[in-house]
Amino acid sequence: GVLLSIARIIGETAPVLVLVGYSRSINFDIFDGNMASLPLLIYT
């Protein structure tokens, strides 16, 4: 159940877009700045 729920949220785009925006570069600091994600990369 845990692994299937992780698989379910991998493609979520809305939380990433609403809460951090999008960056073309990878940001390793989870407490500052925009983030890159595969769903948003597909969209852009």
ModelCIF file with pLDDT and N, C-alpha, C, O atoms, coordinates in Angstrom:
data_MODEL
#
_entry.id   MODEL 
#
_entity.id                         1 
_entity.type                       polymer 
_entity.pdbx_number_of_molecules   1 
#
_entity_poly.entity_id                      1 
_entity_poly.type                           'polypeptide(L)' 
_entity_poly.nstd_linkage                   no 
_entity_poly.nstd_monomer                   no 
_entity_poly.pdbx_seq_one_letter_code       GVLLSIARIIGETAPVLVLVGYSRSINFDIFDGNMASLPLLIYT 
_entity_poly.pdbx_seq_one_letter_code_can   GVLLSIARIIGETAPVLVLVGYSRSINFDIFDGNMASLPLLIYT 
_entity_poly.pdbx_strand_id                 A 
#
loop_
_entity_poly_seq.entity_id 
_entity_poly_seq.num 
_entity_poly_seq.mon_id 
_entity_poly_seq.hetero 
1 1  GLY n 
1 2  VAL n 
1 3  LEU n 
1 4  LEU n 
1 5  SER n 
1 6  ILE n 
1 7  ALA n 
1 8  ARG n 
1 9  ILE n 
1 10 ILE n 
1 11 GLY n 
1 12 GLU n 
1 13 THR n 
1 14 ALA n 
1 15 PRO n 
1 16 VAL n 
1 17 LEU n 
1 18 VAL n 
1 19 LEU n 
1 20 VAL n 
1 21 GLY n 
1 22 TYR n 
1 23 SER n 
1 24 ARG n 
1 25 SER n 
1 26 ILE n 
1 27 ASN n 
1 28 PHE n 
1 29 ASP n 
1 30 ILE n 
1 31 PHE n 
1 32 ASP n 
1 33 GLY n 
1 34 ASN n 
1 35 MET n 
1 36 ALA n 
1 37 SER n 
1 38 LEU n 
1 39 PRO n 
1 40 LEU n 
1 41 LEU n 
1 42 ILE n 
1 43 TYR n 
1 44 THR n 
#
_struct_asym.id          A 
_struct_asym.entity_id   1 
#
loop_
_ma_qa_metric.id 
_ma_qa_metric.mode 
_ma_qa_metric.name 
_ma_qa_metric.software_group_id 
_ma_qa_metric.type 
1 global pLDDT . pLDDT 
2 local  pLDDT . pLDDT 
#
_ma_qa_metric_global.metric_id      1 
_ma_qa_metric_global.metric_value   81.32 
_ma_qa_metric_global.model_id       1 
_ma_qa_metric_global.ordinal_id     1 
#
loop_
_ma_qa_metric_local.label_asym_id 
_ma_qa_metric_local.label_comp_id 
_ma_qa_metric_local.label_seq_id 
_ma_qa_metric_local.metric_id 
_ma_qa_metric_local.metric_value 
_ma_qa_metric_local.model_id 
_ma_qa_metric_local.ordinal_id 
A GLY 1  2 86.00 1 1  
A VAL 2  2 88.00 1 2  
A LEU 3  2 84.00 1 3  
A LEU 4  2 82.00 1 4  
A SER 5  2 87.00 1 5  
A ILE 6  2 86.00 1 6  
A ALA 7  2 80.00 1 7  
A ARG 8  2 82.00 1 8  
A ILE 9  2 86.00 1 9  
A ILE 10 2 81.00 1 10 
A GLY 11 2 73.00 1 11 
A GLU 12 2 79.00 1 12 
A THR 13 2 76.00 1 13 
A ALA 14 2 79.00 1 14 
A PRO 15 2 83.00 1 15 
A VAL 16 2 80.00 1 16 
A LEU 17 2 79.00 1 17 
A VAL 18 2 81.00 1 18 
A LEU 19 2 83.00 1 19 
A VAL 20 2 82.00 1 20 
A GLY 21 2 76.00 1 21 
A TYR 22 2 75.00 1 22 
A SER 23 2 77.00 1 23 
A ARG 24 2 77.00 1 24 
A SER 25 2 77.00 1 25 
A ILE 26 2 78.00 1 26 
A ASN 27 2 80.00 1 27 
A PHE 28 2 84.00 1 28 
A ASP 29 2 85.00 1 29 
A ILE 30 2 84.00 1 30 
A PHE 31 2 86.00 1 31 
A ASP 32 2 83.00 1 32 
A GLY 33 2 79.00 1 33 
A ASN 34 2 81.00 1 34 
A MET 35 2 79.00 1 35 
A ALA 36 2 79.00 1 36 
A SER 37 2 82.00 1 37 
A LEU 38 2 83.00 1 38 
A PRO 39 2 81.00 1 39 
A LEU 40 2 81.00 1 40 
A LEU 41 2 84.00 1 41 
A ILE 42 2 85.00 1 42 
A TYR 43 2 82.00 1 43 
A THR 44 2 83.00 1 44 
#
loop_
_atom_site.group_PDB 
_atom_site.id 
_atom_site.type_symbol 
_atom_site.label_atom_id 
_atom_site.label_alt_id 
_atom_site.label_comp_id 
_atom_site.label_asym_id 
_atom_site.label_entity_id 
_atom_site.label_seq_id 
_atom_site.pdbx_PDB_ins_code 
_atom_site.Cartn_x 
_atom_site.Cartn_y 
_atom_site.Cartn_z 
_atom_site.occupancy 
_atom_site.B_iso_or_equiv 
_atom_site.pdbx_formal_charge 
_atom_site.auth_seq_id 
_atom_site.auth_comp_id 
_atom_site.auth_asym_id 
_atom_site.auth_atom_id 
_atom_site.pdbx_PDB_model_num 
ATOM 1   N N  . GLY A 1 1  ? 0.812  -1.213 0.000   1.00 86.00 ? 1  GLY A N  1 
ATOM 2   C CA . GLY A 1 1  ? 0.000  0.000  0.000   1.00 86.00 ? 1  GLY A CA 1 
ATOM 3   C C  . GLY A 1 1  ? 0.843  1.258  0.000   1.00 86.00 ? 1  GLY A C  1 
ATOM 4   O O  . GLY A 1 1  ? 0.516  2.222  -0.693  1.00 86.00 ? 1  GLY A O  1 
ATOM 5   N N  . VAL A 1 2  ? 1.920  1.265  0.765   1.00 88.00 ? 2  VAL A N  1 
ATOM 6   C CA . VAL A 1 2  ? 2.814  2.427  0.802   1.00 88.00 ? 2  VAL A CA 1 
ATOM 7   C C  . VAL A 1 2  ? 3.479  2.627  -0.558  1.00 88.00 ? 2  VAL A C  1 
ATOM 8   O O  . VAL A 1 2  ? 3.526  3.744  -1.075  1.00 88.00 ? 2  VAL A O  1 
ATOM 9   N N  . LEU A 1 3  ? 3.993  1.536  -1.136  1.00 84.00 ? 3  LEU A N  1 
ATOM 10  C CA . LEU A 1 3  ? 4.662  1.656  -2.434  1.00 84.00 ? 3  LEU A CA 1 
ATOM 11  C C  . LEU A 1 3  ? 3.688  2.073  -3.537  1.00 84.00 ? 3  LEU A C  1 
ATOM 12  O O  . LEU A 1 3  ? 4.055  2.848  -4.421  1.00 84.00 ? 3  LEU A O  1 
ATOM 13  N N  . LEU A 1 4  ? 2.468  1.576  -3.495  1.00 82.00 ? 4  LEU A N  1 
ATOM 14  C CA . LEU A 1 4  ? 1.485  1.973  -4.502  1.00 82.00 ? 4  LEU A CA 1 
ATOM 15  C C  . LEU A 1 4  ? 1.061  3.432  -4.336  1.00 82.00 ? 4  LEU A C  1 
ATOM 16  O O  . LEU A 1 4  ? 0.795  4.118  -5.324  1.00 82.00 ? 4  LEU A O  1 
ATOM 17  N N  . SER A 1 5  ? 0.996  3.903  -3.101  1.00 87.00 ? 5  SER A N  1 
ATOM 18  C CA . SER A 1 5  ? 0.655  5.317  -2.908  1.00 87.00 ? 5  SER A CA 1 
ATOM 19  C C  . SER A 1 5  ? 1.802  6.216  -3.373  1.00 87.00 ? 5  SER A C  1 
ATOM 20  O O  . SER A 1 5  ? 1.563  7.312  -3.879  1.00 87.00 ? 5  SER A O  1 
ATOM 21  N N  . ILE A 1 6  ? 3.039  5.762  -3.204  1.00 86.00 ? 6  ILE A N  1 
ATOM 22  C CA . ILE A 1 6  ? 4.182  6.523  -3.733  1.00 86.00 ? 6  ILE A CA 1 
ATOM 23  C C  . ILE A 1 6  ? 4.109  6.566  -5.252  1.00 86.00 ? 6  ILE A C  1 
ATOM 24  O O  . ILE A 1 6  ? 4.343  7.608  -5.866  1.00 86.00 ? 6  ILE A O  1 
ATOM 25  N N  . ALA A 1 7  ? 3.781  5.418  -5.857  1.00 80.00 ? 7  ALA A N  1 
ATOM 26  C CA . ALA A 1 7  ? 3.652  5.385  -7.318  1.00 80.00 ? 7  ALA A CA 1 
ATOM 27  C C  . ALA A 1 7  ? 2.518  6.306  -7.779  1.00 80.00 ? 7  ALA A C  1 
ATOM 28  O O  . ALA A 1 7  ? 2.585  6.872  -8.870  1.00 80.00 ? 7  ALA A O  1 
ATOM 29  N N  . ARG A 1 8  ? 1.491  6.454  -6.961  1.00 82.00 ? 8  ARG A N  1 
ATOM 30  C CA . ARG A 1 8  ? 0.364  7.315  -7.325  1.00 82.00 ? 8  ARG A CA 1 
ATOM 31  C C  . ARG A 1 8  ? 0.752  8.792  -7.331  1.00 82.00 ? 8  ARG A C  1 
ATOM 32  O O  . ARG A 1 8  ? 0.316  9.544  -8.203  1.00 82.00 ? 8  ARG A O  1 
ATOM 33  N N  . ILE A 1 9  ? 1.563  9.207  -6.372  1.00 86.00 ? 9  ILE A N  1 
ATOM 34  C CA . ILE A 1 9  ? 1.860  10.638 -6.267  1.00 86.00 ? 9  ILE A CA 1 
ATOM 35  C C  . ILE A 1 9  ? 3.047  11.071 -7.114  1.00 86.00 ? 9  ILE A C  1 
ATOM 36  O O  . ILE A 1 9  ? 3.320  12.266 -7.223  1.00 86.00 ? 9  ILE A O  1 
ATOM 37  N N  . ILE A 1 10 ? 3.759  10.119 -7.718  1.00 81.00 ? 10 ILE A N  1 
ATOM 38  C CA . ILE A 1 10 ? 4.929  10.501 -8.513  1.00 81.00 ? 10 ILE A CA 1 
ATOM 39  C C  . ILE A 1 10 ? 4.560  11.451 -9.650  1.00 81.00 ? 10 ILE A C  1 
ATOM 40  O O  . ILE A 1 10 ? 5.332  12.356 -9.968  1.00 81.00 ? 10 ILE A O  1 
ATOM 41  N N  . GLY A 1 11 ? 3.420  11.265 -10.250 1.00 73.00 ? 11 GLY A N  1 
ATOM 42  C CA . GLY A 1 11 ? 3.035  12.098 -11.383 1.00 73.00 ? 11 GLY A CA 1 
ATOM 43  C C  . GLY A 1 11 ? 2.267  13.347 -11.017 1.00 73.00 ? 11 GLY A C  1 
ATOM 44  O O  . GLY A 1 11 ? 1.791  14.051 -11.907 1.00 73.00 ? 11 GLY A O  1 
ATOM 45  N N  . GLU A 1 12 ? 2.130  13.645 -9.747  1.00 79.00 ? 12 GLU A N  1 
ATOM 46  C CA . GLU A 1 12 ? 1.369  14.827 -9.346  1.00 79.00 ? 12 GLU A CA 1 
ATOM 47  C C  . GLU A 1 12 ? 2.083  16.104 -9.776  1.00 79.00 ? 12 GLU A C  1 
ATOM 48  O O  . GLU A 1 12 ? 3.273  16.279 -9.515  1.00 79.00 ? 12 GLU A O  1 
ATOM 49  N N  . THR A 1 13 ? 1.360  16.974 -10.424 1.00 76.00 ? 13 THR A N  1 
ATOM 50  C CA . THR A 1 13 ? 1.929  18.213 -10.929 1.00 76.00 ? 13 THR A CA 1 
ATOM 51  C C  . THR A 1 13 ? 1.428  19.431 -10.152 1.00 76.00 ? 13 THR A C  1 
ATOM 52  O O  . THR A 1 13 ? 2.186  20.373 -9.921  1.00 76.00 ? 13 THR A O  1 
ATOM 53  N N  . ALA A 1 14 ? 0.174  19.418 -9.753  1.00 79.00 ? 14 ALA A N  1 
ATOM 54  C CA . ALA A 1 14 ? -0.427 20.591 -9.129  1.00 79.00 ? 14 ALA A CA 1 
ATOM 55  C C  . ALA A 1 14 ? 0.291  21.039 -7.856  1.00 79.00 ? 14 ALA A C  1 
ATOM 56  O O  . ALA A 1 14 ? 0.565  22.231 -7.716  1.00 79.00 ? 14 ALA A O  1 
ATOM 57  N N  . PRO A 1 15 ? 0.609  20.131 -6.914  1.00 83.00 ? 15 PRO A N  1 
ATOM 58  C CA . PRO A 1 15 ? 1.299  20.627 -5.711  1.00 83.00 ? 15 PRO A CA 1 
ATOM 59  C C  . PRO A 1 15 ? 2.650  21.278 -6.024  1.00 83.00 ? 15 PRO A C  1 
ATOM 60  O O  . PRO A 1 15 ? 3.020  22.273 -5.401  1.00 83.00 ? 15 PRO A O  1 
ATOM 61  N N  . VAL A 1 16 ? 3.375  20.722 -6.976  1.00 80.00 ? 16 VAL A N  1 
ATOM 62  C CA . VAL A 1 16 ? 4.679  21.294 -7.321  1.00 80.00 ? 16 VAL A CA 1 
ATOM 63  C C  . VAL A 1 16 ? 4.495  22.675 -7.943  1.00 80.00 ? 16 VAL A C  1 
ATOM 64  O O  . VAL A 1 16 ? 5.228  23.609 -7.615  1.00 80.00 ? 16 VAL A O  1 
ATOM 65  N N  . LEU A 1 17 ? 3.532  22.803 -8.828  1.00 79.00 ? 17 LEU A N  1 
ATOM 66  C CA . LEU A 1 17 ? 3.307  24.070 -9.517  1.00 79.00 ? 17 LEU A CA 1 
ATOM 67  C C  . LEU A 1 17 ? 2.804  25.143 -8.557  1.00 79.00 ? 17 LEU A C  1 
ATOM 68  O O  . LEU A 1 17 ? 3.250  26.289 -8.622  1.00 79.00 ? 17 LEU A O  1 
ATOM 69  N N  . VAL A 1 18 ? 1.882  24.785 -7.670  1.00 81.00 ? 18 VAL A N  1 
ATOM 70  C CA . VAL A 1 18 ? 1.307  25.767 -6.753  1.00 81.00 ? 18 VAL A CA 1 
ATOM 71  C C  . VAL A 1 18 ? 2.296  26.164 -5.663  1.00 81.00 ? 18 VAL A C  1 
ATOM 72  O O  . VAL A 1 18 ? 2.364  27.333 -5.282  1.00 81.00 ? 18 VAL A O  1 
ATOM 73  N N  . LEU A 1 19 ? 3.056  25.207 -5.163  1.00 83.00 ? 19 LEU A N  1 
ATOM 74  C CA . LEU A 1 19 ? 3.857  25.462 -3.968  1.00 83.00 ? 19 LEU A CA 1 
ATOM 75  C C  . LEU A 1 19 ? 5.308  25.870 -4.223  1.00 83.00 ? 19 LEU A C  1 
ATOM 76  O O  . LEU A 1 19 ? 5.924  26.455 -3.332  1.00 83.00 ? 19 LEU A O  1 
ATOM 77  N N  . VAL A 1 20 ? 5.883  25.589 -5.397  1.00 82.00 ? 20 VAL A N  1 
ATOM 78  C CA . VAL A 1 20 ? 7.246  26.045 -5.629  1.00 82.00 ? 20 VAL A CA 1 
ATOM 79  C C  . VAL A 1 20 ? 7.476  26.600 -7.013  1.00 82.00 ? 20 VAL A C  1 
ATOM 80  O O  . VAL A 1 20 ? 8.497  27.252 -7.232  1.00 82.00 ? 20 VAL A O  1 
ATOM 81  N N  . GLY A 1 21 ? 6.606  26.383 -7.935  1.00 76.00 ? 21 GLY A N  1 
ATOM 82  C CA . GLY A 1 21 ? 6.859  26.861 -9.288  1.00 76.00 ? 21 GLY A CA 1 
ATOM 83  C C  . GLY A 1 21 ? 7.740  25.888 -10.039 1.00 76.00 ? 21 GLY A C  1 
ATOM 84  O O  . GLY A 1 21 ? 7.805  24.710 -9.689  1.00 76.00 ? 21 GLY A O  1 
ATOM 85  N N  . TYR A 1 22 ? 8.418  26.364 -11.065 1.00 75.00 ? 22 TYR A N  1 
ATOM 86  C CA . TYR A 1 22 ? 9.227  25.473 -11.892 1.00 75.00 ? 22 TYR A CA 1 
ATOM 87  C C  . TYR A 1 22 ? 10.574 26.101 -12.172 1.00 75.00 ? 22 TYR A C  1 
ATOM 88  O O  . TYR A 1 22 ? 10.690 27.310 -12.374 1.00 75.00 ? 22 TYR A O  1 
ATOM 89  N N  . SER A 1 23 ? 11.578 25.264 -12.180 1.00 77.00 ? 23 SER A N  1 
ATOM 90  C CA . SER A 1 23 ? 12.933 25.692 -12.538 1.00 77.00 ? 23 SER A CA 1 
ATOM 91  C C  . SER A 1 23 ? 13.502 24.691 -13.526 1.00 77.00 ? 23 SER A C  1 
ATOM 92  O O  . SER A 1 23 ? 13.221 23.497 -13.429 1.00 77.00 ? 23 SER A O  1 
ATOM 93  N N  . ARG A 1 24 ? 14.282 25.153 -14.454 1.00 77.00 ? 24 ARG A N  1 
ATOM 94  C CA . ARG A 1 24 ? 14.909 24.252 -15.421 1.00 77.00 ? 24 ARG A CA 1 
ATOM 95  C C  . ARG A 1 24 ? 16.114 23.543 -14.819 1.00 77.00 ? 24 ARG A C  1 
ATOM 96  O O  . ARG A 1 24 ? 16.571 22.534 -15.357 1.00 77.00 ? 24 ARG A O  1 
ATOM 97  N N  . SER A 1 25 ? 16.625 24.053 -13.723 1.00 77.00 ? 25 SER A N  1 
ATOM 98  C CA . SER A 1 25 ? 17.799 23.437 -13.101 1.00 77.00 ? 25 SER A CA 1 
ATOM 99  C C  . SER A 1 25 ? 17.384 22.709 -11.824 1.00 77.00 ? 25 SER A C  1 
ATOM 100 O O  . SER A 1 25 ? 16.337 22.987 -11.239 1.00 77.00 ? 25 SER A O  1 
ATOM 101 N N  . ILE A 1 26 ? 18.218 21.786 -11.419 1.00 78.00 ? 26 ILE A N  1 
ATOM 102 C CA . ILE A 1 26 ? 17.942 21.011 -10.212 1.00 78.00 ? 26 ILE A CA 1 
ATOM 103 C C  . ILE A 1 26 ? 18.375 21.818 -9.000  1.00 78.00 ? 26 ILE A C  1 
ATOM 104 O O  . ILE A 1 26 ? 19.481 22.356 -8.963  1.00 78.00 ? 26 ILE A O  1 
ATOM 105 N N  . ASN A 1 27 ? 17.508 21.898 -8.024  1.00 80.00 ? 27 ASN A N  1 
ATOM 106 C CA . ASN A 1 27 ? 17.769 22.613 -6.781  1.00 80.00 ? 27 ASN A CA 1 
ATOM 107 C C  . ASN A 1 27 ? 17.808 21.582 -5.656  1.00 80.00 ? 27 ASN A C  1 
ATOM 108 O O  . ASN A 1 27 ? 16.810 20.906 -5.407  1.00 80.00 ? 27 ASN A O  1 
ATOM 109 N N  . PHE A 1 28 ? 18.930 21.456 -4.984  1.00 84.00 ? 28 PHE A N  1 
ATOM 110 C CA . PHE A 1 28 ? 19.075 20.457 -3.924  1.00 84.00 ? 28 PHE A CA 1 
ATOM 111 C C  . PHE A 1 28 ? 18.651 20.975 -2.557  1.00 84.00 ? 28 PHE A C  1 
ATOM 112 O O  . PHE A 1 28 ? 18.577 20.199 -1.604  1.00 84.00 ? 28 PHE A O  1 
ATOM 113 N N  . ASP A 1 29 ? 18.372 22.264 -2.442  1.00 85.00 ? 29 ASP A N  1 
ATOM 114 C CA . ASP A 1 29 ? 17.933 22.845 -1.170  1.00 85.00 ? 29 ASP A CA 1 
ATOM 115 C C  . ASP A 1 29 ? 16.408 22.795 -1.107  1.00 85.00 ? 29 ASP A C  1 
ATOM 116 O O  . ASP A 1 29 ? 15.734 23.548 -1.809  1.00 85.00 ? 29 ASP A O  1 
ATOM 117 N N  . ILE A 1 30 ? 15.863 21.915 -0.274  1.00 84.00 ? 30 ILE A N  1 
ATOM 118 C CA . ILE A 1 30 ? 14.403 21.750 -0.241  1.00 84.00 ? 30 ILE A CA 1 
ATOM 119 C C  . ILE A 1 30 ? 13.708 22.875 0.499   1.00 84.00 ? 30 ILE A C  1 
ATOM 120 O O  . ILE A 1 30 ? 12.480 22.962 0.456   1.00 84.00 ? 30 ILE A O  1 
ATOM 121 N N  . PHE A 1 31 ? 14.441 23.729 1.167   1.00 86.00 ? 31 PHE A N  1 
ATOM 122 C CA . PHE A 1 31 ? 13.818 24.816 1.916   1.00 86.00 ? 31 PHE A CA 1 
ATOM 123 C C  . PHE A 1 31 ? 13.926 26.174 1.224   1.00 86.00 ? 31 PHE A C  1 
ATOM 124 O O  . PHE A 1 31 ? 13.539 27.189 1.803   1.00 86.00 ? 31 PHE A O  1 
ATOM 125 N N  . ASP A 1 32 ? 14.443 26.210 0.001   1.00 83.00 ? 32 ASP A N  1 
ATOM 126 C CA . ASP A 1 32 ? 14.591 27.495 -0.680  1.00 83.00 ? 32 ASP A CA 1 
ATOM 127 C C  . ASP A 1 32 ? 14.576 27.303 -2.191  1.00 83.00 ? 32 ASP A C  1 
ATOM 128 O O  . ASP A 1 32 ? 15.247 26.416 -2.720  1.00 83.00 ? 32 ASP A O  1 
ATOM 129 N N  . GLY A 1 33 ? 13.815 28.131 -2.871  1.00 79.00 ? 33 GLY A N  1 
ATOM 130 C CA . GLY A 1 33 ? 13.854 28.198 -4.328  1.00 79.00 ? 33 GLY A CA 1 
ATOM 131 C C  . GLY A 1 33 ? 12.921 27.248 -5.054  1.00 79.00 ? 33 GLY A C  1 
ATOM 132 O O  . GLY A 1 33 ? 12.285 26.374 -4.465  1.00 79.00 ? 33 GLY A O  1 
ATOM 133 N N  . ASN A 1 34 ? 12.870 27.463 -6.364  1.00 81.00 ? 34 ASN A N  1 
ATOM 134 C CA . ASN A 1 34 ? 12.034 26.637 -7.232  1.00 81.00 ? 34 ASN A CA 1 
ATOM 135 C C  . ASN A 1 34 ? 12.662 25.265 -7.437  1.00 81.00 ? 34 ASN A C  1 
ATOM 136 O O  . ASN A 1 34 ? 13.851 25.062 -7.189  1.00 81.00 ? 34 ASN A O  1 
ATOM 137 N N  . MET A 1 35 ? 11.834 24.324 -7.896  1.00 79.00 ? 35 MET A N  1 
ATOM 138 C CA . MET A 1 35 ? 12.290 22.951 -8.095  1.00 79.00 ? 35 MET A CA 1 
ATOM 139 C C  . MET A 1 35 ? 11.976 22.499 -9.517  1.00 79.00 ? 35 MET A C  1 
ATOM 140 O O  . MET A 1 35 ? 11.070 23.017 -10.170 1.00 79.00 ? 35 MET A O  1 
ATOM 141 N N  . ALA A 1 36 ? 12.743 21.527 -9.974  1.00 79.00 ? 36 ALA A N  1 
ATOM 142 C CA . ALA A 1 36 ? 12.463 20.874 -11.248 1.00 79.00 ? 36 ALA A CA 1 
ATOM 143 C C  . ALA A 1 36 ? 11.743 19.561 -10.963 1.00 79.00 ? 36 ALA A C  1 
ATOM 144 O O  . ALA A 1 36 ? 12.028 18.892 -9.969  1.00 79.00 ? 36 ALA A O  1 
ATOM 145 N N  . SER A 1 37 ? 10.813 19.198 -11.833 1.00 82.00 ? 37 SER A N  1 
ATOM 146 C CA . SER A 1 37 ? 10.130 17.904 -11.698 1.00 82.00 ? 37 SER A CA 1 
ATOM 147 C C  . SER A 1 37 ? 9.786  17.387 -13.089 1.00 82.00 ? 37 SER A C  1 
ATOM 148 O O  . SER A 1 37 ? 9.620  18.161 -14.032 1.00 82.00 ? 37 SER A O  1 
ATOM 149 N N  . LEU A 1 38 ? 9.683  16.075 -13.200 1.00 83.00 ? 38 LEU A N  1 
ATOM 150 C CA . LEU A 1 38 ? 9.402  15.487 -14.509 1.00 83.00 ? 38 LEU A CA 1 
ATOM 151 C C  . LEU A 1 38 ? 8.033  15.889 -15.069 1.00 83.00 ? 38 LEU A C  1 
ATOM 152 O O  . LEU A 1 38 ? 7.950  16.230 -16.249 1.00 83.00 ? 38 LEU A O  1 
ATOM 153 N N  . PRO A 1 39 ? 6.955  15.864 -14.271 1.00 81.00 ? 39 PRO A N  1 
ATOM 154 C CA . PRO A 1 39 ? 5.667  16.280 -14.847 1.00 81.00 ? 39 PRO A CA 1 
ATOM 155 C C  . PRO A 1 39 ? 5.671  17.716 -15.366 1.00 81.00 ? 39 PRO A C  1 
ATOM 156 O O  . PRO A 1 39 ? 5.075  18.006 -16.404 1.00 81.00 ? 39 PRO A O  1 
ATOM 157 N N  . LEU A 1 40 ? 6.343  18.614 -14.643 1.00 81.00 ? 40 LEU A N  1 
ATOM 158 C CA . LEU A 1 40 ? 6.402  20.002 -15.108 1.00 81.00 ? 40 LEU A CA 1 
ATOM 159 C C  . LEU A 1 40 ? 7.335  20.149 -16.308 1.00 81.00 ? 40 LEU A C  1 
ATOM 160 O O  . LEU A 1 40 ? 7.115  21.010 -17.161 1.00 81.00 ? 40 LEU A O  1 
ATOM 161 N N  . LEU A 1 41 ? 8.364  19.325 -16.380 1.00 84.00 ? 41 LEU A N  1 
ATOM 162 C CA . LEU A 1 41 ? 9.221  19.326 -17.559 1.00 84.00 ? 41 LEU A CA 1 
ATOM 163 C C  . LEU A 1 41 ? 8.415  18.923 -18.787 1.00 84.00 ? 41 LEU A C  1 
ATOM 164 O O  . LEU A 1 41 ? 8.547  19.533 -19.848 1.00 84.00 ? 41 LEU A O  1 
ATOM 165 N N  . ILE A 1 42 ? 7.589  17.906 -18.645 1.00 85.00 ? 42 ILE A N  1 
ATOM 166 C CA . ILE A 1 42 ? 6.734  17.482 -19.764 1.00 85.00 ? 42 ILE A CA 1 
ATOM 167 C C  . ILE A 1 42 ? 5.827  18.623 -20.188 1.00 85.00 ? 42 ILE A C  1 
ATOM 168 O O  . ILE A 1 42 ? 5.687  18.903 -21.379 1.00 85.00 ? 42 ILE A O  1 
ATOM 169 N N  . TYR A 1 43 ? 5.214  19.279 -19.220 1.00 82.00 ? 43 TYR A N  1 
ATOM 170 C CA . TYR A 1 43 ? 4.292  20.372 -19.522 1.00 82.00 ? 43 TYR A CA 1 
ATOM 171 C C  . TYR A 1 43 ? 4.992  21.539 -20.224 1.00 82.00 ? 43 TYR A C  1 
ATOM 172 O O  . TYR A 1 43 ? 4.473  22.079 -21.201 1.00 82.00 ? 43 TYR A O  1 
ATOM 173 N N  . THR A 1 44 ? 6.155  21.919 -19.732 1.00 83.00 ? 44 THR A N  1 
ATOM 174 C CA . THR A 1 44 ? 6.835  23.073 -20.331 1.00 83.00 ? 44 THR A CA 1 
ATOM 175 C C  . THR A 1 44 ? 7.441  22.738 -21.691 1.00 83.00 ? 44 THR A C  1 
ATOM 176 O O  . THR A 1 44 ? 8.047  23.601 -22.326 1.00 83.00 ? 44 THR A O  1 
#
